[in-house]
Amino acid sequence: MDAVLSAAAGVEATGRAERRTELERRERAWVRAAQRGDATAMEQLFRHHWPRAHRAALLVVGDAAAAEDIAQEAFLAAVRALDRFDRRRPFGPWLHRIVVNRAIDWSRARTLRRELAVEQTVEPSAAGRAESPHAQELAAGLAALGPEQRAVIVLRYLLEYTPGEIAELLDLPRGTVNSRLRRGLDRLEDVLREELR
């Protein structure tokens, strides 16, 4: 029985790796074509990366309209800088870096302008799966975090980057990323414990 499960897991892992390789190949082709000015290729990049880029921005800023603006501006910035993009690297992490940095900047500016409400809420769907029984509590917990902690948690657990990749994306020491993750998760745990009482 264990041998059958092990073989099935190996087949599944191989299938995932093949799909990822195919997707990476298609993405590199879209980037090459977009660098030549192909509007269809730009649209394909946009369609493929929009959901995760928008969701990452939403989870960092907690404002649906601002998240949409941030994600759109990040795509525009990426398109404008596409001629400088290294095609040997994946497009997604580069775009996510732009999105998250812009979301952090927006959050900092909002705080400085003192427009941040005491009772900030994030749309329940932003917390992950809308069908989750604790989506609202998770959204409230994320909203209670600072933008830097929210950003690393979103990159780690929503976009599934490793701490090393996050450090590279945000140009931070890995220890800083680990510290923000730990402190953010500790704070999130405290908030959720209070919310679920």
Protein backbone atom coordinates (compact mmCIF):
# COMPACT_ATOMS: atom_id res chain seq x y z
CA MET A 1 0.00 0.00 0.00
CA ASP A 2 2.81 2.42 0.93
CA ALA A 3 4.60 1.63 -2.33
CA VAL A 4 1.44 2.44 -4.32
CA LEU A 5 0.97 5.75 -2.48
CA SER A 6 4.63 6.60 -2.93
CA ALA A 7 4.45 5.86 -6.66
CA ALA A 8 1.26 7.94 -7.00
CA ALA A 9 2.90 10.84 -5.19
CA GLY A 10 5.90 10.59 -7.51
CA VAL A 11 3.67 10.66 -10.60
CA GLU A 12 1.76 13.65 -9.23
CA ALA A 13 4.99 15.54 -8.47
CA THR A 14 6.29 14.79 -11.95
CA GLY A 15 3.05 16.06 -13.48
CA ARG A 16 3.25 19.29 -11.44
CA ALA A 17 6.87 19.81 -12.49
CA GLU A 18 5.98 19.27 -16.16
CA ARG A 19 3.05 21.74 -15.93
CA ARG A 20 5.29 24.29 -14.20
CA THR A 21 7.98 23.85 -16.87
CA GLU A 22 5.38 24.29 -19.63
CA LEU A 23 3.97 27.39 -17.94
CA GLU A 24 7.47 28.86 -17.54
CA ARG A 25 8.17 28.20 -21.23
CA ARG A 26 4.91 29.92 -22.24
CA GLU A 27 5.65 32.83 -19.92
CA ARG A 28 9.14 33.32 -21.41
CA ALA A 29 7.56 33.34 -24.88
CA TRP A 30 4.98 35.93 -23.76
CA VAL A 31 7.75 38.10 -22.29
CA ARG A 32 9.85 37.89 -25.49
CA ALA A 33 6.83 38.80 -27.61
CA ALA A 34 5.76 41.58 -25.23
CA GLN A 35 9.29 43.02 -25.37
CA ARG A 36 8.81 43.24 -29.14
CA GLY A 37 5.54 45.12 -28.58
CA ASP A 38 3.05 42.29 -29.06
CA ALA A 39 -0.18 43.43 -27.38
CA THR A 40 -1.61 39.90 -27.27
CA ALA A 41 1.42 38.67 -25.33
CA MET A 42 1.08 41.57 -22.88
CA GLU A 43 -2.57 40.66 -22.44
CA GLN A 44 -1.62 37.03 -21.73
CA LEU A 45 0.88 38.13 -19.08
CA PHE A 46 -1.76 40.38 -17.58
CA ARG A 47 -4.46 37.67 -17.55
CA HIS A 48 -2.10 35.12 -16.06
CA HIS A 49 -0.68 37.34 -13.29
CA TRP A 50 -3.58 39.68 -12.50
CA PRO A 51 -5.43 37.55 -9.91
CA ARG A 52 -2.41 36.99 -7.68
CA ALA A 53 -1.06 40.52 -8.12
CA HIS A 54 -4.42 42.08 -7.23
CA ARG A 55 -4.94 39.73 -4.30
CA ALA A 56 -1.46 40.44 -2.92
CA ALA A 57 -2.08 44.19 -3.12
CA LEU A 58 -5.50 43.79 -1.50
CA LEU A 59 -4.12 41.81 1.40
CA VAL A 60 -1.35 44.34 1.99
CA VAL A 61 -3.46 47.51 1.76
CA GLY A 62 -6.89 46.25 2.82
CA ASP A 63 -8.71 48.54 0.38
CA ALA A 64 -10.22 47.02 -2.78
CA ALA A 65 -10.14 50.19 -4.88
CA ALA A 66 -6.58 51.02 -3.88
CA ALA A 67 -5.49 47.42 -4.50
CA GLU A 68 -6.90 47.55 -8.01
CA ASP A 69 -5.09 50.84 -8.69
CA ILE A 70 -1.84 49.50 -7.20
CA ALA A 71 -1.95 46.29 -9.23
CA GLN A 72 -2.75 48.20 -12.44
CA GLU A 73 0.03 50.72 -11.80
CA ALA A 74 2.44 47.87 -11.08
CA PHE A 75 1.56 46.22 -14.41
CA LEU A 76 2.05 49.52 -16.21
CA ALA A 77 5.41 50.00 -14.51
CA ALA A 78 6.40 46.45 -15.47
CA VAL A 79 5.37 47.02 -19.10
CA ARG A 80 7.33 50.29 -19.22
CA ALA A 81 10.41 48.53 -17.83
CA LEU A 82 10.00 45.35 -19.87
CA ASP A 83 12.97 46.23 -22.08
CA ARG A 84 15.20 46.02 -18.98
CA PHE A 85 13.68 42.75 -17.73
CA ASP A 86 16.02 39.75 -17.72
CA ARG A 87 14.12 37.07 -19.68
CA ARG A 88 16.12 34.30 -18.04
CA ARG A 89 14.29 35.05 -14.78
CA PRO A 90 10.59 34.40 -14.09
CA PHE A 91 8.26 37.34 -14.66
CA GLY A 92 5.96 36.63 -11.67
CA PRO A 93 8.43 37.36 -8.86
CA TRP A 94 9.57 40.54 -10.58
CA LEU A 95 5.98 41.74 -10.92
CA HIS A 96 5.12 40.73 -7.33
CA ARG A 97 8.07 42.75 -6.07
CA ILE A 98 6.70 45.83 -7.83
CA VAL A 99 3.17 45.18 -6.52
CA VAL A 100 4.18 44.58 -2.91
CA ASN A 101 6.58 47.54 -2.80
CA ARG A 102 3.89 49.85 -4.18
CA ALA A 103 1.36 48.45 -1.70
CA ILE A 104 3.75 49.04 1.21
CA ASP A 105 4.41 52.59 -0.01
CA TRP A 106 0.67 53.23 -0.30
CA SER A 107 0.06 51.89 3.20
CA ARG A 108 2.83 54.04 4.67
CA ALA A 109 1.53 57.14 2.92
CA ARG A 110 -1.99 56.45 4.12
CA THR A 111 -0.77 56.09 7.69
CA LEU A 112 1.23 59.30 7.44
CA ARG A 113 -1.85 61.15 6.17
CA ARG A 114 -3.72 59.77 9.21
CA GLU A 115 -6.47 58.47 6.98
CA LEU A 116 -6.11 55.00 8.42
CA ALA A 117 -9.27 54.22 10.33
CA VAL A 118 -9.04 52.70 13.79
CA GLU A 119 -11.35 49.88 12.75
CA GLN A 120 -9.86 49.03 9.36
CA THR A 121 -11.49 46.10 7.59
CA VAL A 122 -10.50 44.01 4.63
CA GLU A 123 -13.08 42.42 2.37
CA PRO A 124 -13.71 38.85 3.56
CA SER A 125 -12.80 37.39 0.18
CA ALA A 126 -9.35 38.92 0.53
CA ALA A 127 -8.50 36.62 3.42
CA GLY A 128 -8.30 33.66 1.14
CA ARG A 129 -11.20 31.38 0.46
CA ALA A 130 -14.58 33.08 0.75
CA GLU A 131 -16.10 29.82 1.97
CA SER A 132 -13.73 29.69 4.96
CA PRO A 133 -15.67 29.98 8.21
CA HIS A 134 -12.97 32.27 9.65
CA ALA A 135 -12.36 34.49 6.60
CA GLN A 136 -13.53 37.67 8.32
CA GLU A 137 -11.43 37.01 11.39
CA LEU A 138 -8.37 36.35 9.24
CA ALA A 139 -9.01 39.54 7.26
CA ALA A 140 -9.29 41.53 10.50
CA GLY A 141 -6.10 39.91 11.76
CA LEU A 142 -4.20 40.85 8.61
CA ALA A 143 -5.55 44.40 8.82
CA ALA A 144 -4.15 44.67 12.36
CA LEU A 145 -0.59 44.09 11.09
CA GLY A 146 1.76 46.75 9.80
CA PRO A 147 2.30 46.84 6.03
CA GLU A 148 5.78 45.32 6.20
CA GLN A 149 4.55 42.32 8.21
CA ARG A 150 1.45 41.97 6.02
CA ALA A 151 3.64 42.03 2.91
CA VAL A 152 5.94 39.20 3.99
CA ILE A 153 3.01 37.08 5.17
CA VAL A 154 1.22 37.61 1.84
CA LEU A 155 4.36 36.76 -0.12
CA ARG A 156 5.05 33.68 2.02
CA TYR A 157 1.61 32.17 2.45
CA LEU A 158 -0.43 33.52 -0.47
CA LEU A 159 2.18 33.71 -3.19
CA GLU A 160 4.22 30.85 -1.68
CA TYR A 161 7.68 32.39 -1.88
CA THR A 162 10.41 31.08 0.39
CA PRO A 163 11.94 33.46 2.96
CA GLY A 164 15.08 33.60 0.81
CA GLU A 165 13.05 34.57 -2.26
CA ILE A 166 11.18 37.20 -0.24
CA ALA A 167 14.48 38.65 0.94
CA GLU A 168 15.63 38.89 -2.67
CA LEU A 169 12.29 40.34 -3.86
CA LEU A 170 12.17 43.05 -1.20
CA ASP A 171 15.93 43.62 -1.08
CA LEU A 172 16.06 42.81 2.63
CA PRO A 173 18.37 40.64 4.71
CA ARG A 174 16.90 37.19 5.22
CA GLY A 175 17.00 37.69 8.99
CA THR A 176 14.74 40.73 8.61
CA VAL A 177 12.27 38.70 6.55
CA ASN A 178 12.29 35.91 9.13
CA SER A 179 11.81 38.43 11.93
CA ARG A 180 8.88 40.11 10.17
CA LEU A 181 7.31 36.73 9.47
CA ARG A 182 7.68 35.59 13.08
CA ARG A 183 6.44 38.84 14.59
CA GLY A 184 3.61 39.10 12.07
CA LEU A 185 2.49 35.52 12.69
CA ASP A 186 2.70 36.03 16.46
CA ARG A 187 0.62 39.19 16.21
CA LEU A 188 -1.84 37.49 13.85
CA GLU A 189 -2.21 34.62 16.31
CA ASP A 190 -2.94 37.07 19.15
CA VAL A 191 -5.52 38.96 17.09
CA LEU A 192 -7.22 35.76 15.90
CA ARG A 193 -7.33 34.39 19.42
CA GLU A 194 -9.18 37.55 20.49
CA GLU A 195 -11.46 37.53 17.42
CA LEU A 196 -12.47 33.89 17.90
CA ARG A 197 -13.37 34.20 21.57
